[in-house]
Amino acid sequence: MIIIIIGYSNYADSHDELVKRISRSIGRQWKKLARKLDLDETEIDTIENRDPLDLEEQIEAFFRKWKRKDGNFATKEVLLDAIGSLSLPAENVQALIERGVFRPTSTQC
C-alpha cells in the first residue's frame, strides 16, 4: 500500500514542535530529507561527523542548518512537502500520522 500524504494537522502548531515530532520519526532517513531540502553532501557529512554516535543531535543539527540556510523560506509547509515527497518506510509514516503531524488524504493500493 502507498500512502499519499498531503497537508498537515493544526496539532503541530509551532515549527520547533513539528521538528521534534519529525525527528523522533525519521531516524536515519534524515539524510534523504536533508538532500530534498537542498543541503549538499559536504554539509550532510559535516553534520554526521560532528556527532557520529548521536542520531538525535545529527537530526537537530540538520534542522538548525536548514533553518539558517533557508531563513524565512524554511517553513512548515516546505518541510512537510519535502517529507511527503520522500519514500519513507510505512512505519515511519504511520508514526508521523499518529503524532498528529500529517493527516492522510488518500491511499493507493
PDB file of N, CA and C in Angstrom:
ATOM      1  N   MET A   1       0.835  -1.164   0.000  1.00  0.00           N
ATOM      2  CA  MET A   1       0.000   0.000   0.000  1.00  0.00           C
ATOM      3  C   MET A   1       0.891   1.242   0.000  1.00  0.00           C
ATOM      4  N   ILE A   2       0.552   2.239  -0.763  1.00  0.00           N
ATOM      5  CA  ILE A   2       1.251   3.517  -0.794  1.00  0.00           C
ATOM      6  C   ILE A   2       0.352   4.544  -0.144  1.00  0.00           C
ATOM      7  N   ILE A   3       0.902   5.283   0.790  1.00  0.00           N
ATOM      8  CA  ILE A   3       0.132   6.338   1.437  1.00  0.00           C
ATOM      9  C   ILE A   3       0.566   7.664   0.836  1.00  0.00           C
ATOM     10  N   ILE A   4      -0.387   8.402   0.324  1.00  0.00           N
ATOM     11  CA  ILE A   4      -0.108   9.738  -0.202  1.00  0.00           C
ATOM     12  C   ILE A   4      -0.471  10.716   0.899  1.00  0.00           C
ATOM     13  N   ILE A   5       0.482  11.557   1.242  1.00  0.00           N
ATOM     14  CA  ILE A   5       0.276  12.476   2.348  1.00  0.00           C
ATOM     15  C   ILE A   5       0.263  13.896   1.823  1.00  0.00           C
ATOM     16  N   ILE A   6      -0.806  14.583   2.138  1.00  0.00           N
ATOM     17  CA  ILE A   6      -0.938  15.973   1.723  1.00  0.00           C
ATOM     18  C   ILE A   6      -1.401  16.766   2.931  1.00  0.00           C
ATOM     19  N   GLY A   7      -0.772  17.885   3.150  1.00  0.00           N
ATOM     20  CA  GLY A   7      -1.200  18.759   4.229  1.00  0.00           C
ATOM     21  C   GLY A   7      -0.644  18.355   5.575  1.00  0.00           C
ATOM     22  N   TYR A   8      -1.072  19.077   6.596  1.00  0.00           N
ATOM     23  CA  TYR A   8      -0.637  18.799   7.955  1.00  0.00           C
ATOM     24  C   TYR A   8      -1.745  19.210   8.888  1.00  0.00           C
ATOM     25  N   SER A   9      -1.716  18.666  10.092  1.00  0.00           N
ATOM     26  CA  SER A   9      -2.762  18.998  11.046  1.00  0.00           C
ATOM     27  C   SER A   9      -2.415  20.274  11.791  1.00  0.00           C
ATOM     28  N   ASN A  10      -3.406  20.891  12.380  1.00  0.00           N
ATOM     29  CA  ASN A  10      -3.173  22.073  13.195  1.00  0.00           C
ATOM     30  C   ASN A  10      -2.576  21.693  14.542  1.00  0.00           C
ATOM     31  N   TYR A  11      -2.526  20.403  14.841  1.00  0.00           N
ATOM     32  CA  TYR A  11      -1.996  19.935  16.113  1.00  0.00           C
ATOM     33  C   TYR A  11      -0.536  20.337  16.284  1.00  0.00           C
ATOM     34  N   ALA A  12       0.232  20.309  15.215  1.00  0.00           N
ATOM     35  CA  ALA A  12       1.640  20.699  15.280  1.00  0.00           C
ATOM     36  C   ALA A  12       1.727  22.197  15.044  1.00  0.00           C
ATOM     37  N   ASP A  13       1.526  22.980  16.096  1.00  0.00           N
ATOM     38  CA  ASP A  13       1.402  24.419  15.945  1.00  0.00           C
ATOM     39  C   ASP A  13       2.725  25.110  15.628  1.00  0.00           C
ATOM     40  N   SER A  14       3.752  24.836  16.375  1.00  0.00           N
ATOM     41  CA  SER A  14       4.995  25.577  16.174  1.00  0.00           C
ATOM     42  C   SER A  14       5.971  24.792  15.312  1.00  0.00           C
ATOM     43  N   HIS A  15       6.836  25.532  14.650  1.00  0.00           N
ATOM     44  CA  HIS A  15       7.855  24.897  13.813  1.00  0.00           C
ATOM     45  C   HIS A  15       8.761  24.006  14.652  1.00  0.00           C
ATOM     46  N   ASP A  16       9.162  24.485  15.830  1.00  0.00           N
ATOM     47  CA  ASP A  16      10.054  23.705  16.688  1.00  0.00           C
ATOM     48  C   ASP A  16       9.391  22.418  17.161  1.00  0.00           C
ATOM     49  N   GLU A  17       8.125  22.490  17.508  1.00  0.00           N
ATOM     50  CA  GLU A  17       7.401  21.279  17.921  1.00  0.00           C
ATOM     51  C   GLU A  17       7.297  20.302  16.755  1.00  0.00           C
ATOM     52  N   LEU A  18       7.053  20.813  15.580  1.00  0.00           N
ATOM     53  CA  LEU A  18       6.994  19.974  14.387  1.00  0.00           C
ATOM     54  C   LEU A  18       8.327  19.276  14.159  1.00  0.00           C
ATOM     55  N   VAL A  19       9.417  20.013  14.293  1.00  0.00           N
ATOM     56  CA  VAL A  19      10.750  19.447  14.115  1.00  0.00           C
ATOM     57  C   VAL A  19      10.982  18.318  15.113  1.00  0.00           C
ATOM     58  N   LYS A  20      10.604  18.519  16.360  1.00  0.00           N
ATOM     59  CA  LYS A  20      10.781  17.477  17.379  1.00  0.00           C
ATOM     60  C   LYS A  20       9.986  16.225  17.026  1.00  0.00           C
ATOM     61  N   ARG A  21       8.762  16.398  16.597  1.00  0.00           N
ATOM     62  CA  ARG A  21       7.917  15.255  16.236  1.00  0.00           C
ATOM     63  C   ARG A  21       8.522  14.485  15.054  1.00  0.00           C
ATOM     64  N   ILE A  22       8.974  15.214  14.072  1.00  0.00           N
ATOM     65  CA  ILE A  22       9.544  14.577  12.888  1.00  0.00           C
ATOM     66  C   ILE A  22      10.860  13.894  13.234  1.00  0.00           C
ATOM     67  N   SER A  23      11.666  14.539  14.060  1.00  0.00           N
ATOM     68  CA  SER A  23      12.954  13.960  14.460  1.00  0.00           C
ATOM     69  C   SER A  23      12.775  12.581  15.071  1.00  0.00           C
ATOM     70  N   ARG A  24      11.766  12.423  15.878  1.00  0.00           N
ATOM     71  CA  ARG A  24      11.533  11.141  16.532  1.00  0.00           C
ATOM     72  C   ARG A  24      11.082  10.077  15.548  1.00  0.00           C
ATOM     73  N   SER A  25      10.613  10.471  14.401  1.00  0.00           N
ATOM     74  CA  SER A  25      10.060   9.512  13.444  1.00  0.00           C
ATOM     75  C   SER A  25      10.969   9.171  12.270  1.00  0.00           C
ATOM     76  N   ILE A  26      11.782  10.109  11.828  1.00  0.00           N
ATOM     77  CA  ILE A  26      12.522   9.857  10.588  1.00  0.00           C
ATOM     78  C   ILE A  26      13.809   9.080  10.778  1.00  0.00           C
ATOM     79  N   GLY A  27      14.400   9.143  11.964  1.00  0.00           N
ATOM     80  CA  GLY A  27      15.624   8.384  12.219  1.00  0.00           C
ATOM     81  C   GLY A  27      16.693   8.655  11.174  1.00  0.00           C
ATOM     82  N   ARG A  28      17.297   7.591  10.669  1.00  0.00           N
ATOM     83  CA  ARG A  28      18.401   7.727   9.707  1.00  0.00           C
ATOM     84  C   ARG A  28      17.939   8.259   8.344  1.00  0.00           C
ATOM     85  N   GLN A  29      16.658   8.375   8.147  1.00  0.00           N
ATOM     86  CA  GLN A  29      16.139   8.933   6.903  1.00  0.00           C
ATOM     87  C   GLN A  29      16.376  10.444   6.811  1.00  0.00           C
ATOM     88  N   TRP A  30      16.952  11.035   7.870  1.00  0.00           N
ATOM     89  CA  TRP A  30      17.145  12.481   7.866  1.00  0.00           C
ATOM     90  C   TRP A  30      18.023  12.932   6.701  1.00  0.00           C
ATOM     91  N   LYS A  31      18.940  12.066   6.263  1.00  0.00           N
ATOM     92  CA  LYS A  31      19.831  12.468   5.162  1.00  0.00           C
ATOM     93  C   LYS A  31      19.059  12.621   3.853  1.00  0.00           C
ATOM     94  N   LYS A  32      18.097  11.731   3.608  1.00  0.00           N
ATOM     95  CA  LYS A  32      17.241  11.882   2.421  1.00  0.00           C
ATOM     96  C   LYS A  32      16.483  13.204   2.487  1.00  0.00           C
ATOM     97  N   LEU A  33      15.957  13.500   3.668  1.00  0.00           N
ATOM     98  CA  LEU A  33      15.217  14.750   3.844  1.00  0.00           C
ATOM     99  C   LEU A  33      16.135  15.950   3.651  1.00  0.00           C
ATOM    100  N   ALA A  34      17.348  15.870   4.172  1.00  0.00           N
ATOM    101  CA  ALA A  34      18.306  16.971   4.013  1.00  0.00           C
ATOM    102  C   ALA A  34      18.601  17.228   2.540  1.00  0.00           C
ATOM    103  N   ARG A  35      18.789  16.153   1.770  1.00  0.00           N
ATOM    104  CA  ARG A  35      19.037  16.323   0.330  1.00  0.00           C
ATOM    105  C   ARG A  35      17.833  16.960  -0.349  1.00  0.00           C
ATOM    106  N   LYS A  36      16.648  16.525   0.050  1.00  0.00           N
ATOM    107  CA  LYS A  36      15.421  17.067  -0.538  1.00  0.00           C
ATOM    108  C   LYS A  36      15.300  18.567  -0.255  1.00  0.00           C
ATOM    109  N   LEU A  37      15.846  18.986   0.890  1.00  0.00           N
ATOM    110  CA  LEU A  37      15.797  20.398   1.272  1.00  0.00           C
ATOM    111  C   LEU A  37      17.065  21.142   0.852  1.00  0.00           C
ATOM    112  N   ASP A  38      17.791  20.553  -0.118  1.00  0.00           N
ATOM    113  CA  ASP A  38      18.924  21.186  -0.796  1.00  0.00           C
ATOM    114  C   ASP A  38      20.177  21.382   0.053  1.00  0.00           C
ATOM    115  N   LEU A  39      20.377  20.559   1.087  1.00  0.00           N
ATOM    116  CA  LEU A  39      21.681  20.535   1.731  1.00  0.00           C
ATOM    117  C   LEU A  39      22.576  19.655   0.867  1.00  0.00           C
ATOM    118  N   ASP A  40      23.818  20.058   0.700  1.00  0.00           N
ATOM    119  CA  ASP A  40      24.706  19.254  -0.136  1.00  0.00           C
ATOM    120  C   ASP A  40      25.414  18.180   0.702  1.00  0.00           C
ATOM    121  N   GLU A  41      26.102  17.291   0.018  1.00  0.00           N
ATOM    122  CA  GLU A  41      26.741  16.153   0.687  1.00  0.00           C
ATOM    123  C   GLU A  41      27.795  16.593   1.699  1.00  0.00           C
ATOM    124  N   THR A  42      28.504  17.673   1.404  1.00  0.00           N
ATOM    125  CA  THR A  42      29.503  18.182   2.344  1.00  0.00           C
ATOM    126  C   THR A  42      28.837  18.633   3.641  1.00  0.00           C
ATOM    127  N   GLU A  43      27.729  19.340   3.526  1.00  0.00           N
ATOM    128  CA  GLU A  43      27.003  19.792   4.716  1.00  0.00           C
ATOM    129  C   GLU A  43      26.474  18.598   5.515  1.00  0.00           C
ATOM    130  N   ILE A  44      25.948  17.609   4.823  1.00  0.00           N
ATOM    131  CA  ILE A  44      25.423  16.410   5.484  1.00  0.00           C
ATOM    132  C   ILE A  44      26.550  15.657   6.186  1.00  0.00           C
ATOM    133  N   ASP A  45      27.676  15.482   5.502  1.00  0.00           N
ATOM    134  CA  ASP A  45      28.820  14.781   6.100  1.00  0.00           C
ATOM    135  C   ASP A  45      29.344  15.519   7.325  1.00  0.00           C
ATOM    136  N   THR A  46      29.399  16.834   7.255  1.00  0.00           N
ATOM    137  CA  THR A  46      29.863  17.630   8.389  1.00  0.00           C
ATOM    138  C   THR A  46      28.966  17.424   9.600  1.00  0.00           C
ATOM    139  N   ILE A  47      27.666  17.454   9.373  1.00  0.00           N
ATOM    140  CA  ILE A  47      26.705  17.233  10.460  1.00  0.00           C
ATOM    141  C   ILE A  47      26.889  15.841  11.060  1.00  0.00           C
ATOM    142  N   GLU A  48      27.000  14.853  10.197  1.00  0.00           N
ATOM    143  CA  GLU A  48      27.117  13.471  10.659  1.00  0.00           C
ATOM    144  C   GLU A  48      28.429  13.247  11.417  1.00  0.00           C
ATOM    145  N   ASN A  49      29.513  13.808  10.921  1.00  0.00           N
ATOM    146  CA  ASN A  49      30.825  13.602  11.536  1.00  0.00           C
ATOM    147  C   ASN A  49      31.006  14.364  12.846  1.00  0.00           C
ATOM    148  N   ARG A  50      30.242  15.414  13.021  1.00  0.00           N
ATOM    149  CA  ARG A  50      30.340  16.197  14.256  1.00  0.00           C
ATOM    150  C   ARG A  50      29.899  15.369  15.467  1.00  0.00           C
ATOM    151  N   ASP A  51      28.871  14.551  15.300  1.00  0.00           N
ATOM    152  CA  ASP A  51      28.345  13.689  16.366  1.00  0.00           C
ATOM    153  C   ASP A  51      27.996  12.323  15.787  1.00  0.00           C
ATOM    154  N   PRO A  52      29.000  11.522  15.436  1.00  0.00           N
ATOM    155  CA  PRO A  52      28.729  10.282  14.703  1.00  0.00           C
ATOM    156  C   PRO A  52      27.887   9.254  15.456  1.00  0.00           C
ATOM    157  N   LEU A  53      27.844   9.321  16.770  1.00  0.00           N
ATOM    158  CA  LEU A  53      27.094   8.325  17.542  1.00  0.00           C
ATOM    159  C   LEU A  53      25.768   8.849  18.083  1.00  0.00           C
ATOM    160  N   ASP A  54      25.476  10.109  17.832  1.00  0.00           N
ATOM    161  CA  ASP A  54      24.276  10.729  18.399  1.00  0.00           C
ATOM    162  C   ASP A  54      23.312  11.127  17.284  1.00  0.00           C
ATOM    163  N   LEU A  55      22.445  10.196  16.918  1.00  0.00           N
ATOM    164  CA  LEU A  55      21.499  10.414  15.818  1.00  0.00           C
ATOM    165  C   LEU A  55      20.574  11.599  16.087  1.00  0.00           C
ATOM    166  N   GLU A  56      20.098  11.701  17.307  1.00  0.00           N
ATOM    167  CA  GLU A  56      19.195  12.805  17.636  1.00  0.00           C
ATOM    168  C   GLU A  56      19.879  14.156  17.431  1.00  0.00           C
ATOM    169  N   GLU A  57      21.128  14.259  17.839  1.00  0.00           N
ATOM    170  CA  GLU A  57      21.868  15.508  17.651  1.00  0.00           C
ATOM    171  C   GLU A  57      22.108  15.792  16.168  1.00  0.00           C
ATOM    172  N   GLN A  58      22.360  14.742  15.385  1.00  0.00           N
ATOM    173  CA  GLN A  58      22.528  14.930  13.938  1.00  0.00           C
ATOM    174  C   GLN A  58      21.266  15.523  13.325  1.00  0.00           C
ATOM    175  N   ILE A  59      20.136  14.991  13.720  1.00  0.00           N
ATOM    176  CA  ILE A  59      18.865  15.466  13.170  1.00  0.00           C
ATOM    177  C   ILE A  59      18.609  16.910  13.590  1.00  0.00           C
ATOM    178  N   GLU A  60      18.840  17.208  14.859  1.00  0.00           N
ATOM    179  CA  GLU A  60      18.649  18.580  15.330  1.00  0.00           C
ATOM    180  C   GLU A  60      19.603  19.536  14.611  1.00  0.00           C
ATOM    181  N   ALA A  61      20.856  19.105  14.413  1.00  0.00           N
ATOM    182  CA  ALA A  61      21.835  19.940  13.705  1.00  0.00           C
ATOM    183  C   ALA A  61      21.408  20.169  12.256  1.00  0.00           C
ATOM    184  N   PHE A  62      20.874  19.133  11.637  1.00  0.00           N
ATOM    185  CA  PHE A  62      20.372  19.267  10.267  1.00  0.00           C
ATOM    186  C   PHE A  62      19.276  20.323  10.204  1.00  0.00           C
ATOM    187  N   PHE A  63      18.308  20.255  11.119  1.00  0.00           N
ATOM    188  CA  PHE A  63      17.222  21.233  11.101  1.00  0.00           C
ATOM    189  C   PHE A  63      17.741  22.643  11.372  1.00  0.00           C
ATOM    190  N   ARG A  64      18.681  22.788  12.297  1.00  0.00           N
ATOM    191  CA  ARG A  64      19.256  24.116  12.553  1.00  0.00           C
ATOM    192  C   ARG A  64      19.949  24.653  11.305  1.00  0.00           C
ATOM    193  N   LYS A  65      20.731  23.789  10.643  1.00  0.00           N
ATOM    194  CA  LYS A  65      21.439  24.186   9.415  1.00  0.00           C
ATOM    195  C   LYS A  65      20.447  24.618   8.341  1.00  0.00           C
ATOM    196  N   TRP A  66      19.402  23.832   8.146  1.00  0.00           N
ATOM    197  CA  TRP A  66      18.398  24.152   7.145  1.00  0.00           C
ATOM    198  C   TRP A  66      17.720  25.483   7.460  1.00  0.00           C
ATOM    199  N   LYS A  67      17.365  25.699   8.722  1.00  0.00           N
ATOM    200  CA  LYS A  67      16.708  26.953   9.100  1.00  0.00           C
ATOM    201  C   LYS A  67      17.632  28.150   8.882  1.00  0.00           C
ATOM    202  N   ARG A  68      18.932  27.985   9.215  1.00  0.00           N
ATOM    203  CA  ARG A  68      19.887  29.082   8.983  1.00  0.00           C
ATOM    204  C   ARG A  68      20.073  29.335   7.490  1.00  0.00           C
ATOM    205  N   LYS A  69      20.189  28.266   6.733  1.00  0.00           N
ATOM    206  CA  LYS A  69      20.471  28.375   5.299  1.00  0.00           C
ATOM    207  C   LYS A  69      19.296  28.990   4.534  1.00  0.00           C
ATOM    208  N   ASP A  70      18.085  28.531   4.835  1.00  0.00           N
ATOM    209  CA  ASP A  70      16.917  28.977   4.070  1.00  0.00           C
ATOM    210  C   ASP A  70      16.148  30.127   4.714  1.00  0.00           C
ATOM    211  N   GLY A  71      16.492  30.460   5.952  1.00  0.00           N
ATOM    212  CA  GLY A  71      15.878  31.606   6.614  1.00  0.00           C
ATOM    213  C   GLY A  71      14.360  31.561   6.622  1.00  0.00           C
ATOM    214  N   ASN A  72      13.740  32.621   6.117  1.00  0.00           N
ATOM    215  CA  ASN A  72      12.284  32.719   6.105  1.00  0.00           C
ATOM    216  C   ASN A  72      11.612  31.705   5.184  1.00  0.00           C
ATOM    217  N   PHE A  73      12.402  31.077   4.326  1.00  0.00           N
ATOM    218  CA  PHE A  73      11.843  30.067   3.421  1.00  0.00           C
ATOM    219  C   PHE A  73      11.817  28.676   4.054  1.00  0.00           C
ATOM    220  N   ALA A  74      12.397  28.539   5.255  1.00  0.00           N
ATOM    221  CA  ALA A  74      12.386  27.266   5.979  1.00  0.00           C
ATOM    222  C   ALA A  74      11.093  27.192   6.794  1.00  0.00           C
ATOM    223  N   THR A  75      10.016  26.868   6.112  1.00  0.00           N
ATOM    224  CA  THR A  75       8.696  26.870   6.732  1.00  0.00           C
ATOM    225  C   THR A  75       8.174  25.457   6.954  1.00  0.00           C
ATOM    226  N   LYS A  76       7.120  25.366   7.768  1.00  0.00           N
ATOM    227  CA  LYS A  76       6.448  24.085   7.983  1.00  0.00           C
ATOM    228  C   LYS A  76       5.973  23.505   6.669  1.00  0.00           C
ATOM    229  N   GLU A  77       5.422  24.355   5.844  1.00  0.00           N
ATOM    230  CA  GLU A  77       4.878  23.883   4.577  1.00  0.00           C
ATOM    231  C   GLU A  77       5.959  23.270   3.690  1.00  0.00           C
ATOM    232  N   VAL A  78       7.100  23.929   3.604  1.00  0.00           N
ATOM    233  CA  VAL A  78       8.214  23.408   2.803  1.00  0.00           C
ATOM    234  C   VAL A  78       8.688  22.082   3.384  1.00  0.00           C
ATOM    235  N   LEU A  79       8.827  22.034   4.698  1.00  0.00           N
ATOM    236  CA  LEU A  79       9.267  20.819   5.367  1.00  0.00           C
ATOM    237  C   LEU A  79       8.290  19.669   5.127  1.00  0.00           C
ATOM    238  N   LEU A  80       7.021  19.932   5.287  1.00  0.00           N
ATOM    239  CA  LEU A  80       6.021  18.880   5.108  1.00  0.00           C
ATOM    240  C   LEU A  80       5.920  18.432   3.652  1.00  0.00           C
ATOM    241  N   ASP A  81       6.065  19.352   2.720  1.00  0.00           N
ATOM    242  CA  ASP A  81       6.082  18.967   1.304  1.00  0.00           C
ATOM    243  C   ASP A  81       7.256  18.041   1.008  1.00  0.00           C
ATOM    244  N   ALA A  82       8.423  18.371   1.572  1.00  0.00           N
ATOM    245  CA  ALA A  82       9.612  17.541   1.353  1.00  0.00           C
ATOM    246  C   ALA A  82       9.414  16.150   1.939  1.00  0.00           C
ATOM    247  N   ILE A  83       8.869  16.076   3.137  1.00  0.00           N
ATOM    248  CA  ILE A  83       8.623  14.769   3.759  1.00  0.00           C
ATOM    249  C   ILE A  83       7.601  13.981   2.957  1.00  0.00           C
ATOM    250  N   GLY A  84       6.570  14.670   2.504  1.00  0.00           N
ATOM    251  CA  GLY A  84       5.530  13.991   1.727  1.00  0.00           C
ATOM    252  C   GLY A  84       6.043  13.419   0.419  1.00  0.00           C
ATOM    253  N   SER A  85       7.111  13.983  -0.110  1.00  0.00           N
ATOM    254  CA  SER A  85       7.636  13.513  -1.391  1.00  0.00           C
ATOM    255  C   SER A  85       8.654  12.379  -1.230  1.00  0.00           C
ATOM    256  N   LEU A  86       9.048  12.090  -0.001  1.00  0.00           N
ATOM    257  CA  LEU A  86      10.007  11.013   0.245  1.00  0.00           C
ATOM    258  C   LEU A  86       9.300   9.670   0.340  1.00  0.00           C
ATOM    259  N   SER A  87      10.028   8.636   0.063  1.00  0.00           N
ATOM    260  CA  SER A  87       9.500   7.282   0.240  1.00  0.00           C
ATOM    261  C   SER A  87       9.956   6.770   1.599  1.00  0.00           C
ATOM    262  N   LEU A  88       9.316   7.279   2.637  1.00  0.00           N
ATOM    263  CA  LEU A  88       9.650   6.822   3.976  1.00  0.00           C
ATOM    264  C   LEU A  88       9.039   5.457   4.221  1.00  0.00           C
ATOM    265  N   PRO A  89       9.701   4.620   5.009  1.00  0.00           N
ATOM    266  CA  PRO A  89       9.104   3.329   5.350  1.00  0.00           C
ATOM    267  C   PRO A  89       7.732   3.533   5.997  1.00  0.00           C
ATOM    268  N   ALA A  90       6.832   2.615   5.759  1.00  0.00           N
ATOM    269  CA  ALA A  90       5.453   2.742   6.223  1.00  0.00           C
ATOM    270  C   ALA A  90       5.359   2.992   7.724  1.00  0.00           C
ATOM    271  N   GLU A  91       6.238   2.342   8.517  1.00  0.00           N
ATOM    272  CA  GLU A  91       6.157   2.539   9.963  1.00  0.00           C
ATOM    273  C   GLU A  91       6.515   3.966  10.356  1.00  0.00           C
ATOM    274  N   ASN A  92       7.425   4.608   9.622  1.00  0.00           N
ATOM    275  CA  ASN A  92       7.759   6.000   9.911  1.00  0.00           C
ATOM    276  C   ASN A  92       6.605   6.923   9.562  1.00  0.00           C
ATOM    277  N   VAL A  93       5.977   6.677   8.426  1.00  0.00           N
ATOM    278  CA  VAL A  93       4.825   7.482   8.028  1.00  0.00           C
ATOM    279  C   VAL A  93       3.707   7.314   9.049  1.00  0.00           C
ATOM    280  N   GLN A  94       3.481   6.069   9.475  1.00  0.00           N
ATOM    281  CA  GLN A  94       2.435   5.813  10.470  1.00  0.00           C
ATOM    282  C   GLN A  94       2.736   6.566  11.760  1.00  0.00           C
ATOM    283  N   ALA A  95       3.989   6.579  12.181  1.00  0.00           N
ATOM    284  CA  ALA A  95       4.369   7.300  13.400  1.00  0.00           C
ATOM    285  C   ALA A  95       4.080   8.788  13.265  1.00  0.00           C
ATOM    286  N   LEU A  96       4.359   9.357  12.092  1.00  0.00           N
ATOM    287  CA  LEU A  96       4.068  10.773  11.865  1.00  0.00           C
ATOM    288  C   LEU A  96       2.572  11.049  11.945  1.00  0.00           C
ATOM    289  N   ILE A  97       1.795  10.158  11.373  1.00  0.00           N
ATOM    290  CA  ILE A  97       0.337  10.321  11.405  1.00  0.00           C
ATOM    291  C   ILE A  97      -0.167  10.229  12.838  1.00  0.00           C
ATOM    292  N   GLU A  98       0.319   9.227  13.586  1.00  0.00           N
ATOM    293  CA  GLU A  98      -0.132   9.045  14.958  1.00  0.00           C
ATOM    294  C   GLU A  98       0.232  10.229  15.845  1.00  0.00           C
ATOM    295  N   ARG A  99       1.331  10.881  15.548  1.00  0.00           N
ATOM    296  CA  ARG A  99       1.743  12.036  16.344  1.00  0.00           C
ATOM    297  C   ARG A  99       1.034  13.311  15.894  1.00  0.00           C
ATOM    298  N   GLY A 100       0.154  13.209  14.917  1.00  0.00           N
ATOM    299  CA  GLY A 100      -0.623  14.361  14.508  1.00  0.00           C
ATOM    300  C   GLY A 100       0.085  15.290  13.555  1.00  0.00           C
ATOM    301  N   VAL A 101       1.191  14.848  12.974  1.00  0.00           N
ATOM    302  CA  VAL A 101       1.926  15.716  12.058  1.00  0.00           C
ATOM    303  C   VAL A 101       1.211  15.802  10.720  1.00  0.00           C
ATOM    304  N   PHE A 102       0.740  14.678  10.227  1.00  0.00           N
ATOM    305  CA  PHE A 102       0.034  14.632   8.945  1.00  0.00           C
ATOM    306  C   PHE A 102      -1.353  14.061   9.144  1.00  0.00           C
ATOM    307  N   ARG A 103      -2.210  14.360   8.224  1.00  0.00           N
ATOM    308  CA  ARG A 103      -3.444  13.592   8.131  1.00  0.00           C
ATOM    309  C   ARG A 103      -3.460  13.034   6.710  1.00  0.00           C
ATOM    310  N   PRO A 104      -3.570  11.717   6.588  1.00  0.00           N
ATOM    311  CA  PRO A 104      -3.582  11.123   5.244  1.00  0.00           C
ATOM    312  C   PRO A 104      -4.830  11.551   4.504  1.00  0.00           C
ATOM    313  N   THR A 105      -4.681  11.859   3.230  1.00  0.00           N
ATOM    314  CA  THR A 105      -5.838  12.311   2.469  1.00  0.00           C
ATOM    315  C   THR A 105      -6.297  11.281   1.441  1.00  0.00           C
ATOM    316  N   SER A 106      -5.417  10.360   1.091  1.00  0.00           N
ATOM    317  CA  SER A 106      -5.853   9.287   0.193  1.00  0.00           C
ATOM    318  C   SER A 106      -4.838   8.159   0.244  1.00  0.00           C
ATOM    319  N   THR A 107      -5.254   7.007  -0.193  1.00  0.00           N
ATOM    320  CA  THR A 107      -4.351   5.876  -0.254  1.00  0.00           C
ATOM    321  C   THR A 107      -4.473   5.221  -1.619  1.00  0.00           C
ATOM    322  N   GLN A 108      -3.407   4.570  -2.009  1.00  0.00           N
ATOM    323  CA  GLN A 108      -3.397   3.798  -3.250  1.00  0.00           C
ATOM    324  C   GLN A 108      -2.939   2.400  -2.928  1.00  0.00           C
ATOM    325  N   CYS A 109      -3.534   1.412  -3.524  1.00  0.00           N
ATOM    326  CA  CYS A 109      -3.091   0.033  -3.303  1.00  0.00           C
ATOM    327  C   CYS A 109      -2.487  -0.525  -4.566  1.00  0.00           C
TER     328      CYS A 109
END
